[in-house]
Amino acid sequence: MRSAVEFHVLPCGRRWAVSRDGAKVATFETKQQTLEAACDLAQGEEWSSIVVHDRDGHVQRREPG
């Protein structure tokens, strides 16, 4: 059985990054762009979740992918 894939929306300097299971996938100017990219990536996975962090790196919320 495959395990769930976690996509994280994280601060990355002055930008935002989306990571998959700890590996940075891409960076964007805004948090909203990064969240949209994470949602797009999660659509391609059978089991996934998105973890959204605040500017300080703390988890704000978790949502199903």
Protein backbone atom coordinates (compact mmCIF):
# COMPACT_ATOMS: atom_id res chain seq x y z
CA MET A 1 0.00 0.00 0.00
CA ARG A 2 1.29 3.45 -0.93
CA SER A 3 1.72 6.05 1.79
CA ALA A 4 0.19 9.52 1.56
CA VAL A 5 2.20 12.30 -0.06
CA GLU A 6 2.52 15.57 1.87
CA PHE A 7 2.91 18.87 0.06
CA HIS A 8 4.04 21.80 2.21
CA VAL A 9 3.58 25.50 1.51
CA LEU A 10 6.56 27.09 3.28
CA PRO A 11 8.31 30.46 3.56
CA CYS A 12 11.58 30.52 1.62
CA GLY A 13 13.40 33.79 2.22
CA ARG A 14 11.20 36.50 0.70
CA ARG A 15 9.43 33.94 -1.47
CA TRP A 16 7.31 30.85 -0.83
CA ALA A 17 8.12 27.25 -1.68
CA VAL A 18 6.13 24.10 -2.24
CA SER A 19 7.83 20.91 -1.12
CA ARG A 20 6.93 17.27 -1.57
CA ASP A 21 7.93 14.94 1.24
CA GLY A 22 10.70 17.34 2.31
CA ALA A 23 12.16 18.12 -1.13
CA LYS A 24 11.61 21.62 -2.57
CA VAL A 25 9.65 21.40 -5.82
CA ALA A 26 9.29 25.09 -6.79
CA THR A 27 9.28 28.64 -5.43
CA PHE A 28 6.85 31.47 -6.08
CA GLU A 29 6.47 35.16 -5.28
CA THR A 30 3.28 34.80 -3.23
CA LYS A 31 1.81 32.34 -0.80
CA GLN A 32 -1.38 32.14 -2.89
CA GLN A 33 0.58 31.11 -6.02
CA THR A 34 2.38 28.49 -3.98
CA LEU A 35 -0.85 27.12 -2.52
CA GLU A 36 -2.38 26.88 -6.01
CA ALA A 37 0.69 24.98 -7.25
CA ALA A 38 0.50 22.61 -4.27
CA CYS A 39 -3.17 21.96 -5.03
CA ASP A 40 -2.36 21.23 -8.68
CA LEU A 41 0.40 18.80 -7.67
CA ALA A 42 -1.83 17.09 -5.09
CA GLN A 43 -4.50 16.49 -7.74
CA GLY A 44 -2.14 14.01 -9.41
CA GLU A 45 -1.79 11.88 -6.28
CA GLU A 46 -4.26 9.31 -5.05
CA TRP A 47 -3.51 10.02 -1.37
CA SER A 48 -2.20 13.45 -0.50
CA SER A 49 -2.48 16.34 1.90
CA ILE A 50 -1.37 19.95 1.91
CA VAL A 51 0.22 21.51 4.98
CA VAL A 52 0.16 25.30 4.98
CA HIS A 53 2.71 27.17 7.12
CA ASP A 54 2.76 30.81 8.22
CA ARG A 55 5.65 33.23 7.61
CA ASP A 56 7.37 31.93 10.79
CA GLY A 57 7.16 28.33 9.59
CA HIS A 58 4.44 27.23 12.02
CA VAL A 59 1.65 25.02 10.69
CA GLN A 60 -1.49 27.08 10.05
CA ARG A 61 -3.67 24.32 8.69
CA ARG A 62 -3.80 20.94 6.98
CA GLU A 63 -6.14 20.14 4.14
CA PRO A 64 -6.77 17.10 1.98
CA GLY A 65 -5.08 17.16 -1.42
